[in-house]
Amino acid sequence: MSSSVAPPPAAGDTARTRVSFGHWARAWLPVVVCIGVIGLESTVAFGADHTSAPLQRFFEFLLHRHFTQPEWWRLHMTIRKGGHFTGYGIQSVAWFRAFWMTWRTDDPARNRVAVHGLAMMGTFFIASCDEFHQTFLPNRSGSFWDVMLDCSGALVLQVVIWLCMRRRIRS
């Protein structure tokens, strides 16, 4: 018999493999879902020209008031840019969580800084890809300012995570 053939894995090894795949999936699935949502929203159908009228009807119904066009334009832009800020902030939290669950170094403090940095880099990458993709759509445009807005939302939530973790560590 050849000694180069590896023995079958022990029962414990197989369970450990399943657990590590499940752990990996739990860590990264929220990132994939967030990227999917961003991809769905980054289409012709979600351009400002298609979202304005339905959102205006919804907010006029919700708030029981009629908006003039200048008022609505400002509110619609606030809603859209607030969506950028919030959505990419959530995306950065998903990146942070995934890296926190799967990325380890020997130094916990250094690990934490690295994970925050990786979360910001992931968010910047997806925001940049999204804006680049929008340059090819007839009713959308790519904007570096939107990338900066997206990263601002990410930075705010990363600071919140940092402060919460700092407070928790001290407790």
Foldseek 3Di string as FASTA:
>chain_A
DDPPDDDDDDPVVVVVVVVVVVLLCVLQVVLVVLLVVLVVCLAPCNFCVNPQVVVQVVVCVVVVHHDDVVRSVVVSVVVVLVCLLQSLLVSLVSQLSSCVSPPDDPDVVVSLVVSLVRSLVVSLVSLQVSLVVSCPHPRGHRDVVSSVSNSNSNVVSSVVVVVVVVVVVVD
